[in-house]
Amino acid sequence: MLKDKIAHLVAENEALFPIERAYAVKQGLIQETTETDNKDWSFPVIERCLKETEEVIQAEPESFMNEPVSYFSKNVDEFLYVESNAFETIGVDGIAFEMDDVFETSTVLFGLKVQKKRGSFLKEYLDANVGSKTYSAMFSDKDGLWDVNIPLDQLDGFHKELEIKDAMDLAYRFIFNLLEAIEAAN
């Protein structure tokens, strides 16, 4: 799954994130010396929404992604929903970011396109990398997705003044590593 998507990006001479480039080298899709353009984040959909109703408060410009994640500590009744074409590589349509006001953690929620039979591995990976009491992952037979909720606070590199776009990058790299681990285990 991941290998096919990265192979497609390489074949189309697309720009790569550093994690994608490292994966392509490891998988023999490109040589270490192969020049590739660095991919930049682009978010065509950036919406601040009310948690209680999921109503869109406002569509935000790309510059909003430069706000620190602490914005949501001050606005706990809101969440941010973002989409990026880059998410296609990791089988995610969009990511919601919020401050969990109960646990006071910065959290990302997303639907992950991974087969139901990979559930035990998925949960073992999450246990080992974010802690068994800090995430949730449930499979929805209706849409065939894993509904995953993880606290970014548990990930290396996270801090409260991290820009939202960098928090999305952190989430992307975590999901990428998860998918790489699933692929390697099967």
C-alpha atoms as a PDB file:
ATOM      1  CA  MET A   1       0.000   0.000   0.000  1.00  0.00           C
ATOM      2  CA  LEU A   2       2.534   2.625   1.127  1.00  0.00           C
ATOM      3  CA  LYS A   3       5.202   1.295  -1.226  1.00  0.00           C
ATOM      4  CA  ASP A   4       2.832   1.547  -4.197  1.00  0.00           C
ATOM      5  CA  LYS A   5       1.909   5.133  -3.341  1.00  0.00           C
ATOM      6  CA  ILE A   6       5.514   6.249  -2.920  1.00  0.00           C
ATOM      7  CA  ALA A   7       6.513   4.378  -6.099  1.00  0.00           C
ATOM      8  CA  HIS A   8       3.799   6.321  -7.923  1.00  0.00           C
ATOM      9  CA  LEU A   9       5.103   9.649  -6.562  1.00  0.00           C
ATOM     10  CA  VAL A  10       8.640   8.701  -7.652  1.00  0.00           C
ATOM     11  CA  ALA A  11       7.463   7.578 -11.103  1.00  0.00           C
ATOM     12  CA  GLU A  12       5.615  10.887 -11.567  1.00  0.00           C
ATOM     13  CA  ASN A  13       8.731  12.775 -10.414  1.00  0.00           C
ATOM     14  CA  GLU A  14       6.684  14.386  -7.620  1.00  0.00           C
ATOM     15  CA  ALA A  15       8.267  16.303  -4.747  1.00  0.00           C
ATOM     16  CA  LEU A  16       8.726  14.243  -1.561  1.00  0.00           C
ATOM     17  CA  PHE A  17       8.672  14.969   2.150  1.00  0.00           C
ATOM     18  CA  PRO A  18      11.928  13.908   3.856  1.00  0.00           C
ATOM     19  CA  ILE A  19      10.194  10.878   5.424  1.00  0.00           C
ATOM     20  CA  GLU A  20       8.907   9.808   1.993  1.00  0.00           C
ATOM     21  CA  ARG A  21      12.341  10.237   0.451  1.00  0.00           C
ATOM     22  CA  ALA A  22      13.996   8.159   3.190  1.00  0.00           C
ATOM     23  CA  TYR A  23      11.369   5.455   2.661  1.00  0.00           C
ATOM     24  CA  ALA A  24      11.910   5.501  -1.127  1.00  0.00           C
ATOM     25  CA  VAL A  25      15.659   5.020  -0.619  1.00  0.00           C
ATOM     26  CA  LYS A  26      15.093   2.216   1.921  1.00  0.00           C
ATOM     27  CA  GLN A  27      12.699   0.455  -0.468  1.00  0.00           C
ATOM     28  CA  GLY A  28      15.100   0.800  -3.406  1.00  0.00           C
ATOM     29  CA  LEU A  29      12.731   3.077  -5.319  1.00  0.00           C
ATOM     30  CA  ILE A  30      15.446   5.730  -5.675  1.00  0.00           C
ATOM     31  CA  GLN A  31      19.154   5.900  -4.971  1.00  0.00           C
ATOM     32  CA  GLU A  32      20.565   7.867  -2.046  1.00  0.00           C
ATOM     33  CA  THR A  33      22.143  10.232  -4.569  1.00  0.00           C
ATOM     34  CA  THR A  34      18.905  10.804  -6.522  1.00  0.00           C
ATOM     35  CA  GLU A  35      17.860  14.450  -6.433  1.00  0.00           C
ATOM     36  CA  THR A  36      14.245  15.065  -5.428  1.00  0.00           C
ATOM     37  CA  ASP A  37      12.361  18.265  -4.754  1.00  0.00           C
ATOM     38  CA  ASN A  38      11.189  18.836  -1.189  1.00  0.00           C
ATOM     39  CA  LYS A  39       7.427  18.811  -0.871  1.00  0.00           C
ATOM     40  CA  ASP A  40       5.797  21.763   0.860  1.00  0.00           C
ATOM     41  CA  TRP A  41       2.598  21.546   2.845  1.00  0.00           C
ATOM     42  CA  SER A  42      -0.555  22.866   1.240  1.00  0.00           C
ATOM     43  CA  PHE A  43      -3.954  22.827   2.921  1.00  0.00           C
ATOM     44  CA  PRO A  44      -6.831  23.575   0.536  1.00  0.00           C
ATOM     45  CA  VAL A  45      -9.349  23.141   3.397  1.00  0.00           C
ATOM     46  CA  ILE A  46      -8.761  24.824   6.760  1.00  0.00           C
ATOM     47  CA  GLU A  47     -11.902  25.179   8.867  1.00  0.00           C
ATOM     48  CA  ARG A  48     -12.355  26.238  12.473  1.00  0.00           C
ATOM     49  CA  CYS A  49     -15.433  24.483  13.813  1.00  0.00           C
ATOM     50  CA  LEU A  50     -17.494  24.300  16.992  1.00  0.00           C
ATOM     51  CA  LYS A  51     -16.959  21.038  18.860  1.00  0.00           C
ATOM     52  CA  GLU A  52     -20.527  20.802  20.086  1.00  0.00           C
ATOM     53  CA  THR A  53     -22.240  21.119  16.698  1.00  0.00           C
ATOM     54  CA  GLU A  54     -19.385  20.625  14.185  1.00  0.00           C
ATOM     55  CA  GLU A  55     -20.642  23.834  12.578  1.00  0.00           C
ATOM     56  CA  VAL A  56     -17.983  25.721  10.619  1.00  0.00           C
ATOM     57  CA  ILE A  57     -17.123  28.965  12.384  1.00  0.00           C
ATOM     58  CA  GLN A  58     -14.844  30.178   9.628  1.00  0.00           C
ATOM     59  CA  ALA A  59     -12.751  28.929   6.734  1.00  0.00           C
ATOM     60  CA  GLU A  60      -9.218  30.114   7.430  1.00  0.00           C
ATOM     61  CA  PRO A  61      -6.443  31.215   5.084  1.00  0.00           C
ATOM     62  CA  GLU A  62      -3.257  29.179   4.820  1.00  0.00           C
ATOM     63  CA  SER A  63      -1.559  31.677   7.170  1.00  0.00           C
ATOM     64  CA  PHE A  64      -3.678  30.332  10.066  1.00  0.00           C
ATOM     65  CA  MET A  65      -1.499  27.213   9.992  1.00  0.00           C
ATOM     66  CA  ASN A  66       1.323  29.382  11.412  1.00  0.00           C
ATOM     67  CA  GLU A  67      -0.625  29.871  14.661  1.00  0.00           C
ATOM     68  CA  PRO A  68       0.740  27.970  17.665  1.00  0.00           C
ATOM     69  CA  VAL A  69      -1.226  24.914  18.786  1.00  0.00           C
ATOM     70  CA  SER A  70      -1.785  26.758  22.071  1.00  0.00           C
ATOM     71  CA  TYR A  71      -4.477  28.714  20.171  1.00  0.00           C
ATOM     72  CA  PHE A  72      -6.794  25.811  20.973  1.00  0.00           C
ATOM     73  CA  SER A  73      -5.904  25.923  24.684  1.00  0.00           C
ATOM     74  CA  LYS A  74      -7.511  29.364  24.677  1.00  0.00           C
ATOM     75  CA  ASN A  75     -10.397  28.278  22.427  1.00  0.00           C
ATOM     76  CA  VAL A  76     -11.298  24.835  23.798  1.00  0.00           C
ATOM     77  CA  ASP A  77     -14.782  24.938  22.271  1.00  0.00           C
ATOM     78  CA  GLU A  78     -13.247  24.838  18.771  1.00  0.00           C
ATOM     79  CA  PHE A  79     -11.486  22.281  16.626  1.00  0.00           C
ATOM     80  CA  LEU A  80      -9.646  22.631  13.350  1.00  0.00           C
ATOM     81  CA  TYR A  81     -10.387  20.464  10.334  1.00  0.00           C
ATOM     82  CA  VAL A  82      -7.788  20.375   7.555  1.00  0.00           C
ATOM     83  CA  GLU A  83      -7.378  18.550   4.274  1.00  0.00           C
ATOM     84  CA  SER A  84      -4.232  18.191   2.200  1.00  0.00           C
ATOM     85  CA  ASN A  85      -3.525  16.317  -1.006  1.00  0.00           C
ATOM     86  CA  ALA A  86      -0.468  14.914   0.803  1.00  0.00           C
ATOM     87  CA  PHE A  87      -2.791  12.968   3.120  1.00  0.00           C
ATOM     88  CA  GLU A  88      -3.709  10.704   0.193  1.00  0.00           C
ATOM     89  CA  THR A  89      -0.324   8.972   0.542  1.00  0.00           C
ATOM     90  CA  ILE A  90      -1.195   7.854   4.077  1.00  0.00           C
ATOM     91  CA  GLY A  91      -4.820   6.952   3.373  1.00  0.00           C
ATOM     92  CA  VAL A  92      -6.351   9.850   5.306  1.00  0.00           C
ATOM     93  CA  ASP A  93      -8.955  12.262   3.917  1.00  0.00           C
ATOM     94  CA  GLY A  94      -8.616  14.923   6.593  1.00  0.00           C
ATOM     95  CA  ILE A  95      -7.374  15.525  10.121  1.00  0.00           C
ATOM     96  CA  ALA A  96      -9.169  17.241  12.981  1.00  0.00           C
ATOM     97  CA  PHE A  97      -7.035  18.939  15.615  1.00  0.00           C
ATOM     98  CA  GLU A  98      -8.336  19.967  19.024  1.00  0.00           C
ATOM     99  CA  MET A  99      -7.478  20.510  22.638  1.00  0.00           C
ATOM    100  CA  ASP A 100      -9.010  17.691  24.660  1.00  0.00           C
ATOM    101  CA  ASP A 101     -10.395  19.735  27.540  1.00  0.00           C
ATOM    102  CA  VAL A 102     -10.760  16.693  29.824  1.00  0.00           C
ATOM    103  CA  PHE A 103      -7.182  15.398  29.491  1.00  0.00           C
ATOM    104  CA  GLU A 104      -5.709  18.767  28.453  1.00  0.00           C
ATOM    105  CA  THR A 105      -3.874  17.237  25.509  1.00  0.00           C
ATOM    106  CA  SER A 106      -3.529  18.355  21.904  1.00  0.00           C
ATOM    107  CA  THR A 107      -5.262  15.650  19.920  1.00  0.00           C
ATOM    108  CA  VAL A 108      -5.587  14.656  16.278  1.00  0.00           C
ATOM    109  CA  LEU A 109      -8.505  12.616  14.990  1.00  0.00           C
ATOM    110  CA  PHE A 110      -8.614  10.952  11.592  1.00  0.00           C
ATOM    111  CA  GLY A 111     -10.094   8.097   9.628  1.00  0.00           C
ATOM    112  CA  LEU A 112      -7.406   5.635   8.565  1.00  0.00           C
ATOM    113  CA  LYS A 113      -7.787   3.308   5.570  1.00  0.00           C
ATOM    114  CA  VAL A 114      -6.309   0.123   7.013  1.00  0.00           C
ATOM    115  CA  GLN A 115      -7.935  -3.301   6.791  1.00  0.00           C
ATOM    116  CA  LYS A 116      -9.921  -4.409   9.826  1.00  0.00           C
ATOM    117  CA  LYS A 117      -7.759  -7.527  10.157  1.00  0.00           C
ATOM    118  CA  ARG A 118      -4.754  -5.265  10.925  1.00  0.00           C
ATOM    119  CA  GLY A 119      -6.485  -4.049  14.091  1.00  0.00           C
ATOM    120  CA  SER A 120      -4.419  -5.943  16.647  1.00  0.00           C
ATOM    121  CA  PHE A 121      -1.155  -4.716  15.099  1.00  0.00           C
ATOM    122  CA  LEU A 122      -2.517  -1.168  14.881  1.00  0.00           C
ATOM    123  CA  LYS A 123      -3.452  -1.163  18.562  1.00  0.00           C
ATOM    124  CA  GLU A 124      -0.129  -2.730  19.614  1.00  0.00           C
ATOM    125  CA  TYR A 125       1.710  -0.006  17.696  1.00  0.00           C
ATOM    126  CA  LEU A 126      -0.385   2.715  19.317  1.00  0.00           C
ATOM    127  CA  ASP A 127       0.130   1.151  22.767  1.00  0.00           C
ATOM    128  CA  ALA A 128       3.893   1.169  22.259  1.00  0.00           C
ATOM    129  CA  ASN A 129       4.122   4.644  20.745  1.00  0.00           C
ATOM    130  CA  VAL A 130       1.502   6.794  22.478  1.00  0.00           C
ATOM    131  CA  GLY A 131       0.477   4.765  25.523  1.00  0.00           C
ATOM    132  CA  SER A 132      -2.480   2.459  25.981  1.00  0.00           C
ATOM    133  CA  LYS A 133      -4.542   4.882  28.039  1.00  0.00           C
ATOM    134  CA  THR A 134      -4.093   7.882  25.747  1.00  0.00           C
ATOM    135  CA  TYR A 135      -5.542   6.910  22.361  1.00  0.00           C
ATOM    136  CA  SER A 136      -8.677   5.417  20.883  1.00  0.00           C
ATOM    137  CA  ALA A 137      -9.036   3.362  17.704  1.00  0.00           C
ATOM    138  CA  MET A 138     -12.306   1.834  16.541  1.00  0.00           C
ATOM    139  CA  PHE A 139     -13.154   0.232  13.235  1.00  0.00           C
ATOM    140  CA  SER A 140     -16.294   1.423  11.496  1.00  0.00           C
ATOM    141  CA  ASP A 141     -17.845  -1.263   9.312  1.00  0.00           C
ATOM    142  CA  LYS A 142     -20.068   1.422   7.786  1.00  0.00           C
ATOM    143  CA  ASP A 143     -17.234   3.314   6.085  1.00  0.00           C
ATOM    144  CA  GLY A 144     -14.409   0.757   6.370  1.00  0.00           C
ATOM    145  CA  LEU A 145     -12.114   3.130   8.270  1.00  0.00           C
ATOM    146  CA  TRP A 146     -10.364   3.093  11.601  1.00  0.00           C
ATOM    147  CA  ASP A 147     -11.447   6.127  13.609  1.00  0.00           C
ATOM    148  CA  VAL A 148      -8.206   7.022  15.393  1.00  0.00           C
ATOM    149  CA  ASN A 149      -7.650   9.643  18.075  1.00  0.00           C
ATOM    150  CA  ILE A 150      -4.104  10.220  19.352  1.00  0.00           C
ATOM    151  CA  PRO A 151      -2.571  12.848  21.626  1.00  0.00           C
ATOM    152  CA  LEU A 152       0.251  14.683  19.902  1.00  0.00           C
ATOM    153  CA  ASP A 153       1.658  15.561  23.339  1.00  0.00           C
ATOM    154  CA  GLN A 154       3.044  12.004  23.506  1.00  0.00           C
ATOM    155  CA  LEU A 155       5.122  12.399  20.335  1.00  0.00           C
ATOM    156  CA  ASP A 156       8.757  13.516  20.225  1.00  0.00           C
ATOM    157  CA  GLY A 157       9.055  17.072  18.992  1.00  0.00           C
ATOM    158  CA  PHE A 158       5.701  18.294  20.258  1.00  0.00           C
ATOM    159  CA  HIS A 159       5.441  21.454  22.367  1.00  0.00           C
ATOM    160  CA  LYS A 160       2.639  23.931  23.031  1.00  0.00           C
ATOM    161  CA  GLU A 161       4.125  26.675  20.844  1.00  0.00           C
ATOM    162  CA  LEU A 162       4.550  24.379  17.826  1.00  0.00           C
ATOM    163  CA  GLU A 163       2.919  25.886  14.746  1.00  0.00           C
ATOM    164  CA  ILE A 164      -0.229  24.070  13.633  1.00  0.00           C
ATOM    165  CA  LYS A 165       1.332  23.195  10.254  1.00  0.00           C
ATOM    166  CA  ASP A 166       4.251  21.571  12.105  1.00  0.00           C
ATOM    167  CA  ALA A 167       1.782  19.659  14.290  1.00  0.00           C
ATOM    168  CA  MET A 168       0.173  18.363  11.073  1.00  0.00           C
ATOM    169  CA  ASP A 169       3.622  17.335   9.850  1.00  0.00           C
ATOM    170  CA  LEU A 170       4.232  15.535  13.155  1.00  0.00           C
ATOM    171  CA  ALA A 171       0.903  13.713  12.793  1.00  0.00           C
ATOM    172  CA  TYR A 172       1.721  12.851   9.154  1.00  0.00           C
ATOM    173  CA  ARG A 173       5.094  11.375  10.103  1.00  0.00           C
ATOM    174  CA  PHE A 174       3.518   9.360  12.919  1.00  0.00           C
ATOM    175  CA  ILE A 175       0.865   7.908  10.584  1.00  0.00           C
ATOM    176  CA  PHE A 176       3.492   7.262   7.906  1.00  0.00           C
ATOM    177  CA  ASN A 177       5.660   5.331  10.392  1.00  0.00           C
ATOM    178  CA  LEU A 178       2.599   3.379  11.549  1.00  0.00           C
ATOM    179  CA  LEU A 179       1.772   2.364   7.978  1.00  0.00           C
ATOM    180  CA  GLU A 180       5.396   1.449   7.306  1.00  0.00           C
ATOM    181  CA  ALA A 181       5.354  -0.787  10.396  1.00  0.00           C
ATOM    182  CA  ILE A 182       2.080  -2.428   9.305  1.00  0.00           C
ATOM    183  CA  GLU A 183       3.514  -3.020   5.835  1.00  0.00           C
ATOM    184  CA  ALA A 184       6.740  -4.511   7.228  1.00  0.00           C
ATOM    185  CA  ALA A 185       4.804  -6.851   9.527  1.00  0.00           C
ATOM    186  CA  ASN A 186       2.770  -8.328   6.671  1.00  0.00           C
END
